[in-house]
N, C-alpha and C. Protein backbone atom coordinates (compact mmCIF):
# COMPACT_ATOMS: atom_id res chain seq x y z
N MET A 1 1.41 1.22 -27.64
CA MET A 1 1.78 0.31 -26.45
C MET A 1 1.87 -1.14 -27.07
N ASN A 2 3.08 -2.12 -26.59
CA ASN A 2 2.97 -3.27 -27.47
C ASN A 2 2.59 -4.16 -26.60
N TRP A 3 1.69 -4.81 -26.24
CA TRP A 3 1.41 -5.62 -25.07
C TRP A 3 2.22 -7.20 -25.37
N SER A 4 2.94 -7.56 -24.69
CA SER A 4 3.51 -9.11 -24.82
C SER A 4 2.66 -10.07 -23.67
N TRP A 5 2.21 -11.52 -24.67
CA TRP A 5 1.85 -12.27 -23.52
C TRP A 5 2.97 -13.57 -23.60
N SER A 6 4.26 -13.19 -23.98
CA SER A 6 5.46 -14.34 -23.73
C SER A 6 5.73 -14.24 -22.15
N PRO A 7 6.51 -15.38 -21.93
CA PRO A 7 6.65 -15.08 -20.40
C PRO A 7 7.73 -14.30 -20.24
N PRO A 8 7.58 -13.31 -18.66
CA PRO A 8 8.64 -12.38 -18.81
C PRO A 8 10.07 -12.82 -18.69
N VAL A 9 10.81 -11.95 -19.02
CA VAL A 9 12.33 -12.57 -19.12
C VAL A 9 13.05 -11.81 -17.75
N ASP A 10 12.53 -11.12 -17.70
CA ASP A 10 13.29 -10.21 -15.95
C ASP A 10 12.83 -10.75 -14.84
N LEU A 11 13.71 -11.17 -14.08
CA LEU A 11 13.91 -11.72 -12.97
C LEU A 11 12.98 -10.89 -12.21
N GLU A 12 13.16 -9.37 -11.94
CA GLU A 12 12.50 -8.39 -11.07
C GLU A 12 10.86 -8.21 -11.34
N LEU A 13 10.80 -8.68 -12.77
CA LEU A 13 9.19 -8.46 -13.26
C LEU A 13 8.74 -9.98 -12.77
N TRP A 14 9.09 -11.05 -12.62
CA TRP A 14 8.73 -12.00 -11.56
C TRP A 14 8.38 -12.27 -10.47
N ILE A 15 9.31 -11.54 -9.78
CA ILE A 15 9.19 -11.28 -8.55
C ILE A 15 8.13 -10.14 -8.29
N ILE A 16 7.93 -9.14 -9.04
CA ILE A 16 6.59 -8.67 -9.00
C ILE A 16 5.32 -9.21 -8.97
N LEU A 17 5.60 -9.83 -10.20
CA LEU A 17 3.99 -10.59 -10.39
C LEU A 17 3.62 -11.76 -9.21
N PHE A 18 5.02 -12.24 -8.81
CA PHE A 18 4.55 -13.17 -7.28
C PHE A 18 3.73 -12.38 -6.50
N TYR A 19 4.61 -11.16 -6.00
CA TYR A 19 4.25 -10.30 -4.77
C TYR A 19 2.84 -10.27 -5.02
N VAL A 20 2.42 -9.48 -6.12
CA VAL A 20 0.98 -8.83 -6.52
C VAL A 20 -0.06 -10.20 -6.32
N ALA A 21 0.64 -11.27 -7.00
CA ALA A 21 -0.22 -12.90 -6.49
C ALA A 21 -0.61 -13.07 -5.03
N SER A 22 0.83 -12.71 -4.25
CA SER A 22 0.47 -13.01 -2.90
C SER A 22 -0.72 -12.07 -2.20
N LEU A 23 -0.20 -10.73 -2.47
CA LEU A 23 -1.25 -9.53 -1.87
C LEU A 23 -2.84 -10.21 -2.10
N LEU A 24 -2.92 -10.53 -3.37
CA LEU A 24 -4.45 -10.54 -3.44
C LEU A 24 -4.79 -12.01 -3.11
N VAL A 25 -4.06 -13.12 -2.85
CA VAL A 25 -4.46 -14.51 -2.27
C VAL A 25 -4.73 -14.24 -0.72
N GLY A 26 -3.12 -13.04 -0.29
CA GLY A 26 -3.31 -13.04 1.23
C GLY A 26 -4.50 -12.07 1.81
N ALA A 27 -5.05 -11.14 0.72
CA ALA A 27 -6.43 -10.64 0.99
C ALA A 27 -7.26 -11.43 1.48
N LYS A 28 -7.62 -12.33 0.95
CA LYS A 28 -8.42 -13.42 0.71
C LYS A 28 -8.33 -14.16 2.26
N VAL A 29 -6.95 -14.49 2.32
CA VAL A 29 -6.81 -15.51 3.19
C VAL A 29 -7.16 -14.66 4.76
N VAL A 30 -6.96 -13.37 4.71
CA VAL A 30 -7.29 -12.40 5.86
C VAL A 30 -8.79 -12.47 6.28
N GLU A 31 -9.43 -12.82 5.03
CA GLU A 31 -10.78 -12.64 5.51
C GLU A 31 -11.03 -13.76 5.76
N VAL A 32 -10.98 -15.01 5.22
CA VAL A 32 -11.65 -16.25 5.52
C VAL A 32 -11.05 -16.08 6.93
N VAL A 33 -9.98 -16.39 7.61
CA VAL A 33 -9.23 -16.84 8.67
C VAL A 33 -10.38 -16.15 10.04
N ALA A 34 -10.91 -14.57 9.41
CA ALA A 34 -11.06 -13.67 10.16
C ALA A 34 -12.60 -14.24 10.44
N GLN A 35 -13.02 -14.89 9.42
CA GLN A 35 -14.65 -15.13 9.14
C GLN A 35 -14.56 -16.87 10.17
N MET A 36 -13.44 -17.37 10.00
CA MET A 36 -13.42 -18.52 10.77
C MET A 36 -13.45 -18.35 12.11
N HIS A 37 -12.64 -17.16 12.71
CA HIS A 37 -12.20 -16.89 14.21
C HIS A 37 -13.55 -16.36 14.95
N PHE A 38 -14.55 -15.69 14.06
CA PHE A 38 -16.00 -15.07 14.14
C PHE A 38 -16.61 -16.43 14.52
N ALA A 39 -16.62 -17.35 13.83
CA ALA A 39 -17.78 -18.29 14.09
C ALA A 39 -16.87 -19.11 15.36
N ARG A 40 -15.54 -19.35 15.77
CA ARG A 40 -15.34 -20.38 16.82
C ARG A 40 -15.56 -19.37 17.64
N SER A 41 -15.34 -18.20 17.83
CA SER A 41 -15.50 -17.47 19.16
C SER A 41 -17.15 -17.71 19.29
N GLN A 42 -17.84 -17.75 18.35
CA GLN A 42 -19.33 -17.49 18.42
C GLN A 42 -19.69 -19.28 19.29
N ARG A 43 -19.02 -19.98 18.50
CA ARG A 43 -19.43 -21.68 19.14
C ARG A 43 -18.96 -21.85 20.98
N TYR A 44 -17.50 -21.10 20.75
CA TYR A 44 -16.93 -21.24 22.48
C TYR A 44 -17.96 -20.61 23.58
N ARG A 45 -18.46 -19.37 22.92
CA ARG A 45 -19.30 -18.66 23.84
C ARG A 45 -20.56 -19.48 24.42
N GLU A 46 -21.32 -20.21 23.49
CA GLU A 46 -22.56 -20.86 23.59
C GLU A 46 -21.92 -22.22 23.93
N GLN A 47 -20.97 -22.74 23.77
CA GLN A 47 -20.32 -23.93 24.35
C GLN A 47 -21.61 -24.78 25.52
N GLY A 48 -22.14 -25.80 25.33
CA GLY A 48 -23.23 -26.27 26.30
C GLY A 48 -24.34 -25.94 26.52
N PHE A 49 -24.73 -24.59 25.51
CA PHE A 49 -25.54 -24.14 25.71
C PHE A 49 -26.48 -24.18 24.08
N GLU A 50 -28.32 -24.47 24.83
CA GLU A 50 -28.68 -24.28 23.58
C GLU A 50 -29.96 -22.86 23.53
N TYR A 51 -29.44 -22.65 22.20
CA TYR A 51 -30.40 -21.31 22.16
C TYR A 51 -31.94 -21.60 21.32
N ILE A 52 -33.06 -21.01 22.17
CA ILE A 52 -34.12 -21.41 21.54
C ILE A 52 -34.79 -20.12 21.33
N GLU A 53 -34.94 -20.30 19.79
CA GLU A 53 -35.35 -19.00 18.98
C GLU A 53 -36.66 -18.51 19.41
N ALA A 54 -37.47 -19.34 19.52
CA ALA A 54 -38.86 -18.82 20.03
C ALA A 54 -38.94 -18.10 21.12
N HIS A 55 -38.61 -18.14 22.00
CA HIS A 55 -38.81 -17.82 23.31
C HIS A 55 -37.46 -16.79 23.30
N ASP A 56 -36.50 -16.78 22.81
CA ASP A 56 -35.32 -15.84 23.02
C ASP A 56 -34.59 -16.25 24.35
N VAL A 57 -34.12 -17.29 24.31
CA VAL A 57 -33.28 -17.81 25.55
C VAL A 57 -32.40 -18.85 25.06
N TYR A 58 -31.49 -18.75 26.53
CA TYR A 58 -30.64 -20.03 26.09
C TYR A 58 -31.29 -21.00 27.38
N ARG A 59 -30.37 -22.61 26.84
CA ARG A 59 -30.85 -23.47 28.21
C ARG A 59 -29.79 -23.87 28.45
N CYS A 60 -29.46 -23.83 29.70
CA CYS A 60 -28.04 -24.65 30.15
C CYS A 60 -28.01 -26.44 29.89
N PRO A 61 -27.10 -26.63 30.40
CA PRO A 61 -26.59 -28.26 30.65
C PRO A 61 -27.34 -28.73 31.41
N GLU A 62 -27.84 -27.98 32.58
CA GLU A 62 -28.99 -28.34 33.63
C GLU A 62 -30.55 -28.07 33.58
N GLY A 63 -30.62 -27.09 32.17
CA GLY A 63 -32.31 -27.34 32.03
C GLY A 63 -32.87 -25.75 32.12
N ARG A 64 -31.64 -25.07 32.87
CA ARG A 64 -32.41 -23.93 33.49
C ARG A 64 -32.21 -22.89 32.17
N PHE A 65 -33.02 -21.74 32.28
CA PHE A 65 -33.21 -20.58 31.34
C PHE A 65 -32.10 -19.45 31.26
N LEU A 66 -31.51 -18.93 30.55
CA LEU A 66 -30.78 -17.37 30.72
C LEU A 66 -31.73 -16.86 29.88
N GLU A 67 -32.12 -15.94 30.18
CA GLU A 67 -33.21 -14.99 29.66
C GLU A 67 -32.22 -13.79 29.10
N LEU A 68 -32.87 -12.97 28.28
CA LEU A 68 -32.35 -11.80 27.67
C LEU A 68 -31.71 -10.87 28.74
N HIS A 69 -30.34 -10.34 29.53
CA HIS A 69 -30.19 -9.68 30.27
C HIS A 69 -30.16 -7.75 29.60
N LEU A 70 -29.29 -7.78 28.65
CA LEU A 70 -29.41 -6.62 27.90
C LEU A 70 -29.14 -6.61 26.58
N LEU A 71 -29.45 -5.45 25.84
CA LEU A 71 -28.55 -5.37 24.52
C LEU A 71 -27.89 -4.45 24.49
N GLN A 72 -26.71 -4.87 23.74
CA GLN A 72 -25.15 -3.55 23.95
C GLN A 72 -24.83 -2.89 22.37
N ASP A 73 -24.06 -2.17 22.48
CA ASP A 73 -23.80 -1.75 21.22
C ASP A 73 -24.61 -1.34 19.81
N ASP A 74 -25.85 -0.49 20.12
CA ASP A 74 -26.64 -0.48 19.25
C ASP A 74 -27.05 -1.85 18.37
N LYS A 75 -27.66 -2.64 19.34
CA LYS A 75 -28.43 -3.86 19.26
C LYS A 75 -27.35 -5.01 18.43
N ARG A 76 -26.06 -4.57 18.59
CA ARG A 76 -24.69 -5.61 17.88
C ARG A 76 -24.80 -7.10 18.41
N PHE A 77 -24.58 -7.18 19.75
CA PHE A 77 -24.98 -8.21 20.86
C PHE A 77 -25.91 -8.23 21.49
N ALA A 78 -26.45 -9.42 22.20
CA ALA A 78 -27.84 -9.61 23.32
C ALA A 78 -26.19 -10.09 24.32
N VAL A 79 -27.04 -9.83 25.84
CA VAL A 79 -26.45 -10.63 26.85
C VAL A 79 -27.60 -11.39 27.30
N TYR A 80 -27.27 -12.76 27.78
CA TYR A 80 -28.27 -13.59 28.19
C TYR A 80 -27.86 -14.07 29.41
N ARG A 81 -28.35 -14.30 30.51
CA ARG A 81 -27.96 -14.40 32.20
C ARG A 81 -28.87 -15.75 32.74
N ALA A 82 -28.28 -16.19 33.66
CA ALA A 82 -29.01 -16.89 34.45
C ALA A 82 -29.26 -16.61 35.76
N PRO A 83 -30.17 -16.73 36.15
CA PRO A 83 -30.95 -16.31 37.67
C PRO A 83 -29.66 -16.78 38.66
N ALA A 84 -29.08 -15.99 39.44
CA ALA A 84 -28.17 -16.40 40.29
C ALA A 84 -28.19 -17.83 41.26
N ALA A 85 -29.60 -17.49 41.61
CA ALA A 85 -29.56 -18.57 42.73
C ALA A 85 -29.95 -19.96 42.12
N HIS A 86 -30.35 -19.94 40.66
CA HIS A 86 -30.09 -21.21 40.23
C HIS A 86 -28.09 -21.74 39.65
N CYS A 87 -27.55 -20.69 39.56
CA CYS A 87 -26.39 -21.05 39.30
C CYS A 87 -25.57 -21.35 40.75
N GLU A 88 -25.70 -20.62 42.13
CA GLU A 88 -25.32 -20.92 43.07
C GLU A 88 -25.45 -22.64 43.73
N ARG A 89 -26.57 -23.31 43.38
CA ARG A 89 -26.81 -24.34 43.79
C ARG A 89 -26.76 -25.68 42.70
N CYS A 90 -26.00 -24.99 41.71
CA CYS A 90 -25.84 -25.91 40.28
C CYS A 90 -24.41 -26.61 40.66
N ARG A 91 -24.67 -28.00 40.25
CA ARG A 91 -23.48 -29.19 40.46
C ARG A 91 -22.57 -29.03 39.63
N LEU A 92 -22.89 -28.04 38.47
CA LEU A 92 -21.76 -27.92 37.39
C LEU A 92 -20.84 -26.50 37.21
N LYS A 93 -21.54 -25.72 38.29
CA LYS A 93 -20.87 -24.36 38.20
C LYS A 93 -19.56 -24.35 38.17
N ALA A 94 -19.10 -24.90 38.85
CA ALA A 94 -17.30 -25.16 38.79
C ALA A 94 -17.10 -25.31 36.94
N GLN A 95 -17.28 -26.02 36.25
CA GLN A 95 -16.90 -25.93 34.83
C GLN A 95 -17.66 -25.02 33.68
N CYS A 96 -18.70 -24.11 34.14
CA CYS A 96 -19.66 -23.12 33.68
C CYS A 96 -19.15 -22.06 33.90
N THR A 97 -18.97 -21.40 35.34
CA THR A 97 -18.54 -19.91 35.16
C THR A 97 -17.48 -19.97 36.26
N PRO A 98 -16.50 -19.13 36.10
CA PRO A 98 -15.78 -18.66 37.22
C PRO A 98 -15.83 -17.53 38.49
N SER A 99 -17.27 -16.85 37.48
CA SER A 99 -17.92 -15.67 38.26
C SER A 99 -19.07 -16.45 39.70
N ALA A 100 -18.85 -15.50 40.85
CA ALA A 100 -19.35 -15.39 41.89
C ALA A 100 -20.65 -15.73 41.90
N GLU A 101 -21.18 -15.03 40.97
CA GLU A 101 -22.71 -14.33 40.26
C GLU A 101 -23.26 -15.68 39.49
N SER A 102 -23.41 -15.49 38.20
CA SER A 102 -24.46 -16.48 37.35
C SER A 102 -23.31 -16.33 35.94
N ARG A 103 -23.80 -17.29 35.16
CA ARG A 103 -23.19 -17.33 33.65
C ARG A 103 -23.90 -16.46 33.02
N LEU A 104 -23.02 -15.69 32.07
CA LEU A 104 -23.60 -14.86 31.03
C LEU A 104 -23.06 -15.64 29.10
N VAL A 105 -24.08 -15.38 28.55
CA VAL A 105 -23.79 -15.65 27.21
C VAL A 105 -23.73 -14.52 26.49
N PHE A 106 -23.25 -14.15 25.54
CA PHE A 106 -23.26 -13.34 24.84
C PHE A 106 -23.56 -14.11 23.12
N ARG A 107 -24.41 -13.22 22.54
CA ARG A 107 -24.86 -13.74 21.24
C ARG A 107 -24.65 -12.61 20.70
N SER A 108 -23.95 -12.81 19.39
CA SER A 108 -23.86 -11.78 18.29
C SER A 108 -25.32 -11.49 17.66
N LEU A 109 -25.72 -10.32 17.46
CA LEU A 109 -26.88 -10.00 16.72
C LEU A 109 -26.77 -9.61 14.96
N VAL A 110 -25.56 -9.78 15.13
CA VAL A 110 -24.86 -9.31 13.33
C VAL A 110 -24.15 -10.30 13.08
N GLU A 111 -24.00 -10.25 11.95
CA GLU A 111 -23.08 -11.24 10.84
C GLU A 111 -21.72 -11.03 10.86
N TRP A 112 -21.02 -11.83 10.62
CA TRP A 112 -19.69 -11.49 10.78
C TRP A 112 -19.32 -10.28 9.71
N ALA A 113 -20.04 -9.91 8.31
CA ALA A 113 -19.18 -8.93 7.61
C ALA A 113 -20.05 -7.35 8.14
N GLU A 114 -20.89 -7.77 9.24
CA GLU A 114 -21.55 -6.55 9.71
C GLU A 114 -20.65 -6.06 10.86
N SER A 115 -20.12 -7.21 11.69
CA SER A 115 -19.29 -7.05 12.75
C SER A 115 -17.99 -5.94 12.78
N SER A 116 -17.67 -5.25 13.93
CA SER A 116 -17.14 -4.14 13.71
C SER A 116 -14.98 -5.03 13.39
N VAL A 117 -15.12 -6.11 13.81
CA VAL A 117 -13.84 -6.99 13.28
C VAL A 117 -14.30 -7.27 11.54
N GLY A 118 -15.30 -7.64 11.03
CA GLY A 118 -15.37 -8.12 9.96
C GLY A 118 -15.32 -6.82 8.93
N ILE A 119 -15.74 -5.70 9.37
CA ILE A 119 -15.32 -4.30 8.61
C ILE A 119 -13.94 -4.15 8.90
N PHE A 120 -13.45 -4.32 9.72
CA PHE A 120 -11.75 -3.91 9.71
C PHE A 120 -11.10 -4.77 8.79
N HIS A 121 -11.54 -6.12 8.80
CA HIS A 121 -10.54 -7.24 8.09
C HIS A 121 -10.84 -6.99 6.67
N ARG A 122 -12.46 -6.36 6.12
CA ARG A 122 -12.64 -6.24 4.66
C ARG A 122 -11.83 -5.12 4.31
N CYS A 123 -11.50 -4.34 5.24
CA CYS A 123 -11.08 -2.56 4.61
C CYS A 123 -9.23 -3.20 4.47
N LEU A 124 -8.88 -3.92 5.59
CA LEU A 124 -7.67 -4.59 5.74
C LEU A 124 -7.27 -5.15 4.31
N SER A 125 -8.23 -6.19 3.44
CA SER A 125 -8.32 -6.75 2.41
C SER A 125 -8.70 -5.41 1.14
N VAL A 126 -8.95 -4.48 1.45
CA VAL A 126 -9.23 -3.37 0.40
C VAL A 126 -7.68 -2.97 0.19
N VAL A 127 -7.08 -2.54 1.26
CA VAL A 127 -5.85 -1.89 1.33
C VAL A 127 -4.49 -2.75 0.65
N MET A 128 -4.99 -4.36 0.79
CA MET A 128 -4.20 -4.91 0.20
C MET A 128 -3.71 -4.95 -1.15
N PHE A 129 -5.63 -5.15 -1.53
CA PHE A 129 -5.96 -5.00 -2.96
C PHE A 129 -5.13 -3.39 -3.75
N ALA A 130 -5.47 -2.67 -3.13
CA ALA A 130 -4.69 -1.28 -3.58
C ALA A 130 -3.28 -1.41 -3.78
N ALA A 131 -2.92 -2.04 -2.69
CA ALA A 131 -0.99 -2.02 -3.01
C ALA A 131 -0.90 -2.84 -3.78
N ALA A 132 -1.59 -3.95 -4.24
CA ALA A 132 -1.23 -4.95 -5.38
C ALA A 132 -1.42 -4.25 -6.80
N ILE A 133 -2.77 -3.10 -6.61
CA ILE A 133 -3.02 -2.56 -7.91
C ILE A 133 -1.75 -1.15 -8.11
N CYS A 134 -0.93 -0.66 -6.98
CA CYS A 134 -0.31 0.37 -6.91
C CYS A 134 1.05 -0.29 -7.68
N ILE A 135 1.37 -1.51 -6.87
CA ILE A 135 2.51 -2.14 -7.52
C ILE A 135 2.59 -2.86 -9.22
N CYS A 136 0.84 -2.83 -9.47
CA CYS A 136 0.99 -3.39 -11.01
C CYS A 136 1.77 -1.98 -12.14
N VAL A 137 0.81 -0.90 -11.43
CA VAL A 137 1.06 0.68 -11.78
C VAL A 137 1.83 0.55 -12.12
N ALA A 138 3.02 0.42 -10.90
CA ALA A 138 4.28 0.75 -10.89
C ALA A 138 5.09 0.23 -12.30
N ALA A 139 4.63 -1.30 -12.13
CA ALA A 139 5.33 -2.07 -13.03
C ALA A 139 4.76 -2.06 -14.27
N LEU A 140 3.93 -1.36 -14.69
CA LEU A 140 3.30 -1.05 -16.21
C LEU A 140 4.54 -0.10 -16.49
N TRP A 141 4.44 0.83 -15.70
CA TRP A 141 5.15 1.90 -15.80
C TRP A 141 6.77 1.71 -16.46
N ARG A 142 7.28 0.76 -15.46
CA ARG A 142 8.47 0.60 -15.40
C ARG A 142 8.85 -0.24 -16.79
N TRP A 143 8.02 -1.24 -17.35
CA TRP A 143 8.27 -1.96 -18.20
C TRP A 143 7.28 -2.19 -19.24
N ASN A 144 6.97 -0.64 -19.71
CA ASN A 144 6.35 -0.29 -20.79
C ASN A 144 6.55 -1.17 -22.06
N GLY A 145 5.74 -2.13 -22.39
CA GLY A 145 5.80 -3.13 -23.39
C GLY A 145 6.97 -3.86 -23.19
N ALA A 146 7.63 -4.32 -22.84
CA ALA A 146 8.17 -5.55 -22.50
C ALA A 146 7.92 -6.63 -22.49
N ALA A 147 8.53 -7.55 -22.75
CA ALA A 147 7.82 -9.17 -22.57
C ALA A 147 7.19 -9.05 -21.29
N GLY A 148 5.93 -9.45 -21.17
CA GLY A 148 5.41 -10.03 -19.92
C GLY A 148 4.82 -8.87 -19.22
N SER A 149 4.78 -7.76 -19.88
CA SER A 149 4.05 -6.35 -19.31
C SER A 149 2.17 -6.74 -19.46
N ALA A 150 2.11 -7.61 -20.44
CA ALA A 150 0.50 -8.04 -20.34
C ALA A 150 0.20 -8.75 -19.32
N TRP A 151 1.16 -9.65 -18.56
CA TRP A 151 0.50 -10.59 -17.21
C TRP A 151 0.60 -9.21 -16.13
N VAL A 152 1.45 -8.18 -16.22
CA VAL A 152 1.13 -7.42 -15.09
C VAL A 152 -0.20 -6.53 -15.23
N ALA A 153 -0.56 -6.18 -16.75
CA ALA A 153 -1.62 -5.21 -17.02
C ALA A 153 -2.91 -6.34 -16.44
N SER A 154 -2.85 -7.35 -16.96
CA SER A 154 -3.97 -8.58 -16.39
C SER A 154 -3.93 -8.43 -14.92
N GLY A 155 -3.15 -8.35 -13.98
CA GLY A 155 -2.96 -8.24 -12.32
C GLY A 155 -3.54 -7.24 -12.01
N LEU A 156 -3.35 -5.80 -12.73
CA LEU A 156 -3.92 -5.18 -12.19
C LEU A 156 -5.63 -4.60 -12.72
N PHE A 157 -6.02 -5.66 -13.89
CA PHE A 157 -7.40 -5.45 -13.82
C PHE A 157 -8.01 -6.50 -12.95
N VAL A 158 -7.15 -7.44 -12.70
CA VAL A 158 -8.15 -8.46 -11.05
C VAL A 158 -7.93 -7.57 -9.77
N GLY A 159 -6.77 -6.87 -9.92
CA GLY A 159 -6.99 -6.11 -8.22
C GLY A 159 -7.97 -5.22 -8.96
N LEU A 160 -8.05 -4.58 -9.63
CA LEU A 160 -9.14 -3.57 -10.11
C LEU A 160 -10.36 -3.59 -9.63
N GLY A 161 -10.74 -4.89 -10.55
CA GLY A 161 -12.11 -5.70 -10.29
C GLY A 161 -12.44 -6.06 -8.38
N LEU A 162 -11.13 -6.86 -8.39
CA LEU A 162 -11.46 -7.19 -6.72
C LEU A 162 -11.97 -5.93 -5.38
N ILE A 163 -11.20 -4.70 -6.11
CA ILE A 163 -11.40 -3.76 -5.23
C ILE A 163 -12.69 -2.95 -5.30
N ILE A 164 -13.08 -2.94 -6.39
CA ILE A 164 -14.06 -2.22 -6.62
C ILE A 164 -15.47 -2.98 -6.02
N GLN A 165 -15.47 -4.39 -6.47
CA GLN A 165 -16.30 -5.36 -5.79
C GLN A 165 -16.34 -5.47 -3.95
N ARG A 166 -15.14 -5.67 -3.66
CA ARG A 166 -15.31 -5.42 -2.07
C ARG A 166 -15.44 -4.54 -1.44
N ALA A 167 -14.99 -3.00 -1.91
CA ALA A 167 -15.64 -1.79 -1.24
C ALA A 167 -17.26 -1.32 -1.69
N HIS A 168 -17.78 -2.12 -2.88
CA HIS A 168 -19.07 -2.11 -2.71
C HIS A 168 -19.54 -2.82 -1.92
N THR A 169 -19.20 -3.64 -1.20
CA THR A 169 -19.82 -5.08 -0.26
C THR A 169 -19.88 -4.28 1.02
N ILE A 170 -18.37 -3.55 1.17
CA ILE A 170 -18.31 -2.95 2.44
C ILE A 170 -19.32 -1.60 2.56
N LEU A 171 -19.37 -0.96 1.59
CA LEU A 171 -20.12 0.14 1.48
C LEU A 171 -21.86 -0.33 1.74
N ARG A 172 -22.18 -1.45 1.13
CA ARG A 172 -23.85 -1.44 1.51
C ARG A 172 -23.39 -2.53 2.50
N THR A 173 -22.61 -2.95 3.27
CA THR A 173 -22.72 -3.20 4.93
C THR A 173 -22.81 -2.27 5.80
N VAL A 174 -22.16 -1.47 5.55
CA VAL A 174 -22.20 -0.58 6.31
C VAL A 174 -23.14 0.52 6.50
N ARG A 175 -23.47 0.53 5.15
CA ARG A 175 -25.18 1.68 5.20
C ARG A 175 -26.51 0.54 5.24
N GLY A 176 -26.34 -0.46 5.79
CA GLY A 176 -27.02 -1.33 5.93
C GLY A 176 -28.04 -2.15 4.67
N ASP A 177 -27.56 -1.57 3.74
CA ASP A 177 -28.50 -2.22 2.68
C ASP A 177 -28.77 -3.82 2.38
């Protein structure tokens, strides 16, 4: 096999290289956007409330405490509830909760990578890496030794490295290491 680092001359090879690069970058973008959404969602759920870790309670803007109400989904998130008597008389009730009862605050007990959303998006990125690898293998088969085939091979090795690293991280997360 004769590897050539000269730029590819075939337009089809340029398109494949661009597509592979787009898949690799897109996989990372999917994860970053999902992480940002997870953090934003957490901030929105807790907006205006202060978490007091020492007592495992939230304090509302009026100074009342929301105590732990229940743990759900194998302790993946906790639900805190304000006493209904406090919310009924509160001057901020209209802005705080539409519920006839009391305000609930949901707190995730896992990091983004451990959440079902995080695992889904990480698996999606692995699928995107795998698609990039398959395209690289097909391109190497098609342009065996042609000008630019070394670029495709390097894309293959980058994709393989990324998919192995990502799969290892996902397995550690799922196993709880």
